[in-house]
Amino acid sequence: MKGLKYPFLVKRLSCMVLSGAAPADSLDILQPAVLPSNLISEVV
Protein backbone atom coordinates (compact mmCIF):
# COMPACT_ATOMS: atom_id res chain seq x y z
CA MET A 1 0.00 0.00 0.00
CA LYS A 2 3.03 2.24 -0.25
CA GLY A 3 2.41 5.38 -2.25
CA LEU A 4 -1.37 5.33 -1.92
CA LYS A 5 -3.05 8.61 -1.09
CA TYR A 6 -5.53 7.10 1.37
CA PRO A 7 -4.03 3.81 2.64
CA PHE A 8 -6.51 3.32 5.50
CA LEU A 9 -9.46 3.79 3.16
CA VAL A 10 -7.97 1.22 0.79
CA LYS A 11 -7.46 -1.22 3.65
CA ARG A 12 -11.02 -0.77 4.89
CA LEU A 13 -12.50 -1.19 1.41
CA SER A 14 -10.42 -4.34 0.89
CA CYS A 15 -11.64 -5.80 4.17
CA MET A 16 -15.24 -4.99 3.22
CA VAL A 17 -14.83 -6.81 -0.10
CA LEU A 18 -13.25 -9.84 1.58
CA SER A 19 -16.05 -10.04 4.15
CA GLY A 20 -18.71 -9.73 1.45
CA ALA A 21 -20.01 -6.35 2.66
CA ALA A 22 -19.00 -4.67 -0.62
CA PRO A 23 -18.94 -6.00 -4.19
CA ALA A 24 -15.53 -6.87 -5.64
CA ASP A 25 -15.99 -4.47 -8.55
CA SER A 26 -15.90 -1.57 -6.08
CA LEU A 27 -12.11 -2.03 -6.06
CA ASP A 28 -12.06 -0.69 -9.62
CA ILE A 29 -12.09 2.86 -8.25
CA LEU A 30 -8.55 2.27 -6.99
CA GLN A 31 -7.20 1.82 -10.52
CA PRO A 32 -6.11 4.80 -12.61
CA ALA A 33 -8.12 5.34 -15.78
CA VAL A 34 -5.03 5.05 -17.99
CA LEU A 35 -1.85 3.29 -16.92
CA PRO A 36 1.42 4.74 -18.21
CA SER A 37 3.47 2.22 -20.19
CA ASN A 38 6.27 2.17 -17.61
CA LEU A 39 3.79 1.09 -14.91
CA ILE A 40 2.36 -1.64 -17.10
CA SER A 41 5.84 -3.13 -17.55
CA GLU A 42 6.33 -3.08 -13.75
CA VAL A 43 3.03 -4.88 -13.15
CA VAL A 44 3.73 -7.58 -15.72
PDB file of N, CA and C in Angstrom:
ATOM      1  N   MET A   1       0.821  -1.190   0.000  1.00  0.00           N
ATOM      2  CA  MET A   1       0.000   0.000   0.000  1.00  0.00           C
ATOM      3  C   MET A   1       0.868   1.258   0.000  1.00  0.00           C
ATOM      4  N   LYS A   2       2.130   1.096  -0.237  1.00  0.00           N
ATOM      5  CA  LYS A   2       3.028   2.242  -0.246  1.00  0.00           C
ATOM      6  C   LYS A   2       2.708   3.146  -1.430  1.00  0.00           C
ATOM      7  N   GLY A   3       2.658   4.433  -1.195  1.00  0.00           N
ATOM      8  CA  GLY A   3       2.407   5.385  -2.254  1.00  0.00           C
ATOM      9  C   GLY A   3       0.938   5.685  -2.490  1.00  0.00           C
ATOM     10  N   LEU A   4       0.052   5.046  -1.763  1.00  0.00           N
ATOM     11  CA  LEU A   4      -1.369   5.329  -1.917  1.00  0.00           C
ATOM     12  C   LEU A   4      -1.727   6.597  -1.165  1.00  0.00           C
ATOM     13  N   LYS A   5      -2.671   7.346  -1.709  1.00  0.00           N
ATOM     14  CA  LYS A   5      -3.054   8.611  -1.092  1.00  0.00           C
ATOM     15  C   LYS A   5      -3.851   8.395   0.189  1.00  0.00           C
ATOM     16  N   TYR A   6      -4.694   7.391   0.211  1.00  0.00           N
ATOM     17  CA  TYR A   6      -5.532   7.103   1.374  1.00  0.00           C
ATOM     18  C   TYR A   6      -5.386   5.630   1.762  1.00  0.00           C
ATOM     19  N   PRO A   7      -4.266   5.240   2.372  1.00  0.00           N
ATOM     20  CA  PRO A   7      -4.026   3.809   2.637  1.00  0.00           C
ATOM     21  C   PRO A   7      -5.045   3.175   3.582  1.00  0.00           C
ATOM     22  N   PHE A   8      -5.544   3.914   4.572  1.00  0.00           N
ATOM     23  CA  PHE A   8      -6.509   3.318   5.504  1.00  0.00           C
ATOM     24  C   PHE A   8      -7.856   3.090   4.828  1.00  0.00           C
ATOM     25  N   LEU A   9      -8.224   3.973   3.910  1.00  0.00           N
ATOM     26  CA  LEU A   9      -9.462   3.792   3.158  1.00  0.00           C
ATOM     27  C   LEU A   9      -9.351   2.564   2.255  1.00  0.00           C
ATOM     28  N   VAL A  10      -8.201   2.386   1.642  1.00  0.00           N
ATOM     29  CA  VAL A  10      -7.967   1.218   0.786  1.00  0.00           C
ATOM     30  C   VAL A  10      -8.040  -0.060   1.612  1.00  0.00           C
ATOM     31  N   LYS A  11      -7.434  -0.041   2.787  1.00  0.00           N
ATOM     32  CA  LYS A  11      -7.457  -1.221   3.654  1.00  0.00           C
ATOM     33  C   LYS A  11      -8.878  -1.551   4.083  1.00  0.00           C
ATOM     34  N   ARG A  12      -9.643  -0.535   4.453  1.00  0.00           N
ATOM     35  CA  ARG A  12     -11.022  -0.773   4.888  1.00  0.00           C
ATOM     36  C   ARG A  12     -11.875  -1.310   3.746  1.00  0.00           C
ATOM     37  N   LEU A  13     -11.732  -0.725   2.563  1.00  0.00           N
ATOM     38  CA  LEU A  13     -12.496  -1.190   1.408  1.00  0.00           C
ATOM     39  C   LEU A  13     -12.128  -2.632   1.077  1.00  0.00           C
ATOM     40  N   SER A  14     -10.856  -2.965   1.155  1.00  0.00           N
ATOM     41  CA  SER A  14     -10.420  -4.337   0.886  1.00  0.00           C
ATOM     42  C   SER A  14     -11.026  -5.314   1.885  1.00  0.00           C
ATOM     43  N   CYS A  15     -11.046  -4.937   3.149  1.00  0.00           N
ATOM     44  CA  CYS A  15     -11.643  -5.801   4.174  1.00  0.00           C
ATOM     45  C   CYS A  15     -13.139  -5.976   3.942  1.00  0.00           C
ATOM     46  N   MET A  16     -13.806  -4.905   3.499  1.00  0.00           N
ATOM     47  CA  MET A  16     -15.244  -4.992   3.224  1.00  0.00           C
ATOM     48  C   MET A  16     -15.513  -5.943   2.066  1.00  0.00           C
ATOM     49  N   VAL A  17     -14.660  -5.907   1.041  1.00  0.00           N
ATOM     50  CA  VAL A  17     -14.830  -6.811  -0.100  1.00  0.00           C
ATOM     51  C   VAL A  17     -14.593  -8.252   0.343  1.00  0.00           C
ATOM     52  N   LEU A  18     -13.548  -8.481   1.131  1.00  0.00           N
ATOM     53  CA  LEU A  18     -13.248  -9.842   1.584  1.00  0.00           C
ATOM     54  C   LEU A  18     -14.351 -10.412   2.471  1.00  0.00           C
ATOM     55  N   SER A  19     -14.992  -9.559   3.255  1.00  0.00           N
ATOM     56  CA  SER A  19     -16.050 -10.039   4.147  1.00  0.00           C
ATOM     57  C   SER A  19     -17.395 -10.159   3.436  1.00  0.00           C
ATOM     58  N   GLY A  20     -17.475  -9.648   2.210  1.00  0.00           N
ATOM     59  CA  GLY A  20     -18.714  -9.729   1.452  1.00  0.00           C
ATOM     60  C   GLY A  20     -19.631  -8.538   1.655  1.00  0.00           C
ATOM     61  N   ALA A  21     -19.179  -7.535   2.403  1.00  0.00           N
ATOM     62  CA  ALA A  21     -20.008  -6.355   2.659  1.00  0.00           C
ATOM     63  C   ALA A  21     -20.023  -5.391   1.476  1.00  0.00           C
ATOM     64  N   ALA A  22     -19.067  -5.529   0.566  1.00  0.00           N
ATOM     65  CA  ALA A  22     -19.000  -4.668  -0.616  1.00  0.00           C
ATOM     66  C   ALA A  22     -18.693  -5.550  -1.823  1.00  0.00           C
ATOM     67  N   PRO A  23     -19.223  -5.195  -2.998  1.00  0.00           N
ATOM     68  CA  PRO A  23     -18.942  -5.997  -4.194  1.00  0.00           C
ATOM     69  C   PRO A  23     -17.482  -5.840  -4.634  1.00  0.00           C
ATOM     70  N   ALA A  24     -16.929  -6.884  -5.227  1.00  0.00           N
ATOM     71  CA  ALA A  24     -15.527  -6.867  -5.644  1.00  0.00           C
ATOM     72  C   ALA A  24     -15.248  -5.802  -6.693  1.00  0.00           C
ATOM     73  N   ASP A  25     -16.236  -5.474  -7.520  1.00  0.00           N
ATOM     74  CA  ASP A  25     -15.986  -4.467  -8.551  1.00  0.00           C
ATOM     75  C   ASP A  25     -15.840  -3.061  -7.977  1.00  0.00           C
ATOM     76  N   SER A  26     -16.107  -2.890  -6.690  1.00  0.00           N
ATOM     77  CA  SER A  26     -15.897  -1.574  -6.085  1.00  0.00           C
ATOM     78  C   SER A  26     -14.407  -1.259  -5.964  1.00  0.00           C
ATOM     79  N   LEU A  27     -13.551  -2.271  -6.092  1.00  0.00           N
ATOM     80  CA  LEU A  27     -12.108  -2.030  -6.057  1.00  0.00           C
ATOM     81  C   LEU A  27     -11.613  -1.360  -7.329  1.00  0.00           C
ATOM     82  N   ASP A  28     -12.448  -1.329  -8.369  1.00  0.00           N
ATOM     83  CA  ASP A  28     -12.057  -0.692  -9.624  1.00  0.00           C
ATOM     84  C   ASP A  28     -11.752   0.787  -9.445  1.00  0.00           C
ATOM     85  N   ILE A  29     -12.335   1.428  -8.448  1.00  0.00           N
ATOM     86  CA  ILE A  29     -12.088   2.856  -8.254  1.00  0.00           C
ATOM     87  C   ILE A  29     -10.652   3.128  -7.819  1.00  0.00           C
ATOM     88  N   LEU A  30      -9.934   2.091  -7.407  1.00  0.00           N
ATOM     89  CA  LEU A  30      -8.548   2.266  -6.986  1.00  0.00           C
ATOM     90  C   LEU A  30      -7.583   2.263  -8.162  1.00  0.00           C
ATOM     91  N   GLN A  31      -8.052   1.876  -9.342  1.00  0.00           N
ATOM     92  CA  GLN A  31      -7.200   1.818 -10.518  1.00  0.00           C
ATOM     93  C   GLN A  31      -7.241   3.136 -11.272  1.00  0.00           C
ATOM     94  N   PRO A  32      -6.097   3.597 -11.766  1.00  0.00           N
ATOM     95  CA  PRO A  32      -6.108   4.798 -12.608  1.00  0.00           C
ATOM     96  C   PRO A  32      -6.808   4.506 -13.926  1.00  0.00           C
ATOM     97  N   ALA A  33      -7.381   5.513 -14.527  1.00  0.00           N
ATOM     98  CA  ALA A  33      -8.120   5.336 -15.777  1.00  0.00           C
ATOM     99  C   ALA A  33      -7.197   4.864 -16.893  1.00  0.00           C
ATOM    100  N   VAL A  34      -5.993   5.421 -16.961  1.00  0.00           N
ATOM    101  CA  VAL A  34      -5.031   5.048 -17.990  1.00  0.00           C
ATOM    102  C   VAL A  34      -3.691   4.802 -17.307  1.00  0.00           C
ATOM    103  N   LEU A  35      -3.154   3.613 -17.509  1.00  0.00           N
ATOM    104  CA  LEU A  35      -1.855   3.293 -16.916  1.00  0.00           C
ATOM    105  C   LEU A  35      -0.737   3.706 -17.867  1.00  0.00           C
ATOM    106  N   PRO A  36       0.253   4.436 -17.373  1.00  0.00           N
ATOM    107  CA  PRO A  36       1.420   4.741 -18.211  1.00  0.00           C
ATOM    108  C   PRO A  36       2.159   3.455 -18.571  1.00  0.00           C
ATOM    109  N   SER A  37       2.814   3.443 -19.716  1.00  0.00           N
ATOM    110  CA  SER A  37       3.471   2.223 -20.194  1.00  0.00           C
ATOM    111  C   SER A  37       4.550   1.728 -19.239  1.00  0.00           C
ATOM    112  N   ASN A  38       5.235   2.629 -18.531  1.00  0.00           N
ATOM    113  CA  ASN A  38       6.270   2.168 -17.605  1.00  0.00           C
ATOM    114  C   ASN A  38       5.659   1.438 -16.415  1.00  0.00           C
ATOM    115  N   LEU A  39       4.458   1.799 -15.999  1.00  0.00           N
ATOM    116  CA  LEU A  39       3.794   1.092 -14.908  1.00  0.00           C
ATOM    117  C   LEU A  39       3.294  -0.270 -15.357  1.00  0.00           C
ATOM    118  N   ILE A  40       2.841  -0.355 -16.582  1.00  0.00           N
ATOM    119  CA  ILE A  40       2.362  -1.636 -17.104  1.00  0.00           C
ATOM    120  C   ILE A  40       3.507  -2.648 -17.118  1.00  0.00           C
ATOM    121  N   SER A  41       4.697  -2.213 -17.517  1.00  0.00           N
ATOM    122  CA  SER A  41       5.836  -3.134 -17.548  1.00  0.00           C
ATOM    123  C   SER A  41       6.231  -3.571 -16.143  1.00  0.00           C
ATOM    124  N   GLU A  42       6.028  -2.704 -15.125  1.00  0.00           N
ATOM    125  CA  GLU A  42       6.333  -3.083 -13.751  1.00  0.00           C
ATOM    126  C   GLU A  42       5.327  -4.096 -13.219  1.00  0.00           C
ATOM    127  N   VAL A  43       4.069  -3.974 -13.624  1.00  0.00           N
ATOM    128  CA  VAL A  43       3.025  -4.875 -13.147  1.00  0.00           C
ATOM    129  C   VAL A  43       3.206  -6.259 -13.747  1.00  0.00           C
ATOM    130  N   VAL A  44       3.556  -6.308 -15.019  1.00  0.00           N
ATOM    131  CA  VAL A  44       3.726  -7.577 -15.724  1.00  0.00           C
ATOM    132  C   VAL A  44       5.065  -8.121 -15.381  1.00  0.00           C
TER     133      VAL A  44
END
